[in-house]
Amino acid sequence: MPTVNFSVPEDIKNAFNATFEGQNKSAVIADLMREAVERAHSQQRSKEAYQRILERRQHAPRITEGQFRAAREEGRP
């Protein structure tokens, strides 16, 4: 398994060591890295979805506020 080295502030290192005392810190770090990668991918997917929505809105039919209210009322029971 490869080894990675990171520089972190001393207070973070101490807090990490105290929090995860007695645990396999390599496994904890690997899990945290996995979560960070997934979070970054999720954020990227969200940004891409947002951009697709904005793009589709450019081509969406325009309606007036009155038309919108009428459609809204029509859809209510």
N, C-alpha and C. Protein backbone atom coordinates (compact mmCIF):
# COMPACT_ATOMS: atom_id res chain seq x y z
N MET A 1 0.85 -1.17 0.00
CA MET A 1 0.00 0.00 0.00
C MET A 1 0.91 1.24 0.00
N PRO A 2 0.58 2.22 -0.83
CA PRO A 2 1.41 3.43 -0.89
C PRO A 2 1.33 4.25 0.40
N THR A 3 2.34 5.06 0.60
CA THR A 3 2.39 5.97 1.74
C THR A 3 2.28 7.39 1.23
N VAL A 4 1.50 8.22 1.94
CA VAL A 4 1.39 9.64 1.61
C VAL A 4 1.80 10.45 2.83
N ASN A 5 2.42 11.59 2.57
CA ASN A 5 2.83 12.47 3.66
C ASN A 5 2.15 13.81 3.49
N PHE A 6 1.57 14.31 4.57
CA PHE A 6 0.92 15.62 4.57
C PHE A 6 1.45 16.41 5.75
N SER A 7 1.59 17.70 5.54
CA SER A 7 1.94 18.59 6.64
C SER A 7 0.64 19.17 7.18
N VAL A 8 0.46 19.07 8.49
CA VAL A 8 -0.73 19.62 9.13
C VAL A 8 -0.30 20.43 10.34
N PRO A 9 -1.13 21.40 10.73
CA PRO A 9 -0.80 22.17 11.93
C PRO A 9 -0.70 21.24 13.15
N GLU A 10 0.18 21.59 14.06
CA GLU A 10 0.42 20.77 15.25
C GLU A 10 -0.85 20.55 16.05
N ASP A 11 -1.70 21.59 16.19
CA ASP A 11 -2.92 21.43 16.99
C ASP A 11 -3.88 20.42 16.36
N ILE A 12 -3.93 20.37 15.02
CA ILE A 12 -4.79 19.39 14.35
C ILE A 12 -4.22 17.99 14.56
N LYS A 13 -2.93 17.85 14.43
CA LYS A 13 -2.28 16.55 14.65
C LYS A 13 -2.58 16.04 16.06
N ASN A 14 -2.41 16.91 17.05
CA ASN A 14 -2.66 16.51 18.44
C ASN A 14 -4.12 16.16 18.68
N ALA A 15 -5.02 16.95 18.12
CA ALA A 15 -6.46 16.66 18.28
C ALA A 15 -6.82 15.35 17.60
N PHE A 16 -6.26 15.11 16.41
CA PHE A 16 -6.51 13.86 15.69
C PHE A 16 -6.01 12.67 16.51
N ASN A 17 -4.79 12.77 16.98
CA ASN A 17 -4.21 11.66 17.76
C ASN A 17 -5.02 11.40 19.03
N ALA A 18 -5.47 12.46 19.70
CA ALA A 18 -6.27 12.28 20.91
C ALA A 18 -7.64 11.68 20.59
N THR A 19 -8.25 12.15 19.52
CA THR A 19 -9.59 11.69 19.15
C THR A 19 -9.59 10.23 18.72
N PHE A 20 -8.58 9.84 17.98
CA PHE A 20 -8.54 8.48 17.43
C PHE A 20 -7.51 7.60 18.12
N GLU A 21 -7.21 7.89 19.37
CA GLU A 21 -6.26 7.09 20.14
C GLU A 21 -6.72 5.64 20.18
N GLY A 22 -5.79 4.74 19.96
CA GLY A 22 -6.08 3.32 20.02
C GLY A 22 -6.69 2.76 18.74
N GLN A 23 -6.92 3.61 17.76
CA GLN A 23 -7.49 3.15 16.49
C GLN A 23 -6.39 3.12 15.42
N ASN A 24 -6.68 2.40 14.37
CA ASN A 24 -5.77 2.34 13.24
C ASN A 24 -5.88 3.67 12.49
N LYS A 25 -4.94 4.56 12.74
CA LYS A 25 -5.02 5.92 12.18
C LYS A 25 -4.90 5.91 10.65
N SER A 26 -4.18 4.96 10.09
CA SER A 26 -4.10 4.86 8.63
C SER A 26 -5.48 4.56 8.05
N ALA A 27 -6.22 3.68 8.70
CA ALA A 27 -7.57 3.35 8.24
C ALA A 27 -8.49 4.55 8.40
N VAL A 28 -8.35 5.28 9.50
CA VAL A 28 -9.18 6.48 9.72
C VAL A 28 -8.90 7.49 8.62
N ILE A 29 -7.62 7.75 8.34
CA ILE A 29 -7.24 8.70 7.29
C ILE A 29 -7.78 8.25 5.94
N ALA A 30 -7.66 6.96 5.64
CA ALA A 30 -8.15 6.44 4.36
C ALA A 30 -9.66 6.66 4.24
N ASP A 31 -10.40 6.42 5.33
CA ASP A 31 -11.85 6.65 5.31
C ASP A 31 -12.17 8.13 5.11
N LEU A 32 -11.43 8.99 5.79
CA LEU A 32 -11.65 10.43 5.64
C LEU A 32 -11.35 10.88 4.22
N MET A 33 -10.29 10.34 3.63
CA MET A 33 -9.95 10.68 2.25
C MET A 33 -11.04 10.20 1.30
N ARG A 34 -11.55 8.99 1.53
CA ARG A 34 -12.63 8.45 0.71
C ARG A 34 -13.86 9.36 0.77
N GLU A 35 -14.21 9.79 2.00
CA GLU A 35 -15.35 10.69 2.18
C GLU A 35 -15.12 12.02 1.48
N ALA A 36 -13.91 12.54 1.56
CA ALA A 36 -13.60 13.82 0.91
C ALA A 36 -13.71 13.72 -0.60
N VAL A 37 -13.23 12.62 -1.15
CA VAL A 37 -13.32 12.40 -2.60
C VAL A 37 -14.79 12.32 -3.01
N GLU A 38 -15.59 11.56 -2.28
CA GLU A 38 -17.01 11.43 -2.61
C GLU A 38 -17.72 12.77 -2.48
N ARG A 39 -17.40 13.53 -1.44
CA ARG A 39 -18.01 14.85 -1.25
C ARG A 39 -17.66 15.77 -2.42
N ALA A 40 -16.40 15.75 -2.86
CA ALA A 40 -15.99 16.58 -3.99
C ALA A 40 -16.72 16.16 -5.27
N HIS A 41 -16.86 14.85 -5.48
CA HIS A 41 -17.58 14.36 -6.66
C HIS A 41 -19.05 14.77 -6.59
N SER A 42 -19.64 14.67 -5.42
CA SER A 42 -21.04 15.05 -5.24
C SER A 42 -21.24 16.54 -5.50
N GLN A 43 -20.32 17.36 -5.01
CA GLN A 43 -20.41 18.79 -5.25
C GLN A 43 -20.28 19.10 -6.74
N GLN A 44 -19.39 18.39 -7.42
CA GLN A 44 -19.23 18.60 -8.86
C GLN A 44 -20.50 18.20 -9.60
N ARG A 45 -21.11 17.07 -9.22
CA ARG A 45 -22.35 16.65 -9.86
C ARG A 45 -23.45 17.69 -9.63
N SER A 46 -23.50 18.25 -8.43
CA SER A 46 -24.50 19.28 -8.12
C SER A 46 -24.28 20.52 -8.98
N LYS A 47 -23.04 20.95 -9.12
CA LYS A 47 -22.74 22.11 -9.95
C LYS A 47 -23.13 21.86 -11.41
N GLU A 48 -22.83 20.65 -11.89
CA GLU A 48 -23.17 20.32 -13.27
C GLU A 48 -24.68 20.28 -13.46
N ALA A 49 -25.42 19.74 -12.50
CA ALA A 49 -26.88 19.71 -12.58
C ALA A 49 -27.43 21.13 -12.57
N TYR A 50 -26.88 21.97 -11.71
CA TYR A 50 -27.30 23.36 -11.65
C TYR A 50 -27.08 24.06 -13.00
N GLN A 51 -25.93 23.82 -13.60
CA GLN A 51 -25.64 24.41 -14.91
C GLN A 51 -26.61 23.91 -15.98
N ARG A 52 -26.96 22.61 -15.92
CA ARG A 52 -27.93 22.07 -16.88
C ARG A 52 -29.29 22.73 -16.71
N ILE A 53 -29.69 22.94 -15.45
CA ILE A 53 -30.98 23.60 -15.18
C ILE A 53 -30.96 25.01 -15.74
N LEU A 54 -29.88 25.75 -15.48
CA LEU A 54 -29.79 27.11 -16.00
C LEU A 54 -29.84 27.13 -17.52
N GLU A 55 -29.17 26.19 -18.15
CA GLU A 55 -29.17 26.11 -19.61
C GLU A 55 -30.58 25.82 -20.13
N ARG A 56 -31.27 24.89 -19.51
CA ARG A 56 -32.63 24.56 -19.96
C ARG A 56 -33.58 25.73 -19.77
N ARG A 57 -33.36 26.51 -18.71
CA ARG A 57 -34.22 27.67 -18.47
C ARG A 57 -34.10 28.69 -19.59
N GLN A 58 -32.94 28.74 -20.24
CA GLN A 58 -32.76 29.67 -21.34
C GLN A 58 -33.70 29.35 -22.51
N HIS A 59 -34.11 28.08 -22.62
CA HIS A 59 -34.95 27.63 -23.73
C HIS A 59 -36.38 27.34 -23.29
N ALA A 60 -36.67 27.55 -22.03
CA ALA A 60 -38.02 27.27 -21.51
C ALA A 60 -38.99 28.34 -21.99
N PRO A 61 -40.23 27.95 -22.21
CA PRO A 61 -41.21 28.95 -22.63
C PRO A 61 -41.42 29.99 -21.53
N ARG A 62 -41.62 31.22 -21.92
CA ARG A 62 -41.86 32.31 -20.98
C ARG A 62 -43.36 32.44 -20.75
N ILE A 63 -43.72 32.63 -19.48
CA ILE A 63 -45.13 32.86 -19.17
C ILE A 63 -45.23 34.09 -18.27
N THR A 64 -46.39 34.68 -18.28
CA THR A 64 -46.60 35.85 -17.42
C THR A 64 -46.93 35.39 -16.01
N GLU A 65 -46.87 36.32 -15.09
CA GLU A 65 -47.23 36.00 -13.71
C GLU A 65 -48.68 35.55 -13.62
N GLY A 66 -49.54 36.18 -14.41
CA GLY A 66 -50.96 35.78 -14.43
C GLY A 66 -51.14 34.36 -14.92
N GLN A 67 -50.42 33.98 -15.96
CA GLN A 67 -50.49 32.61 -16.47
C GLN A 67 -49.98 31.62 -15.42
N PHE A 68 -48.92 32.00 -14.74
CA PHE A 68 -48.35 31.14 -13.71
C PHE A 68 -49.37 30.93 -12.58
N ARG A 69 -49.98 32.01 -12.12
CA ARG A 69 -50.98 31.89 -11.04
C ARG A 69 -52.17 31.06 -11.48
N ALA A 70 -52.62 31.25 -12.71
CA ALA A 70 -53.75 30.47 -13.21
C ALA A 70 -53.42 28.99 -13.24
N ALA A 71 -52.23 28.65 -13.73
CA ALA A 71 -51.82 27.25 -13.78
C ALA A 71 -51.70 26.67 -12.38
N ARG A 72 -51.20 27.48 -11.47
CA ARG A 72 -51.06 27.03 -10.09
C ARG A 72 -52.42 26.74 -9.47
N GLU A 73 -53.35 27.65 -9.66
CA GLU A 73 -54.70 27.46 -9.12
C GLU A 73 -55.40 26.26 -9.78
N GLU A 74 -55.18 26.09 -11.05
CA GLU A 74 -55.79 24.98 -11.78
C GLU A 74 -55.31 23.64 -11.24
N GLY A 75 -54.07 23.58 -10.78
CA GLY A 75 -53.50 22.34 -10.28
C GLY A 75 -53.89 22.01 -8.85
N ARG A 76 -54.55 22.93 -8.18
CA ARG A 76 -54.95 22.68 -6.79
C ARG A 76 -56.27 21.94 -6.72
N PRO A 77 -56.41 21.09 -5.72
CA PRO A 77 -57.69 20.35 -5.59
C PRO A 77 -58.82 21.23 -5.11
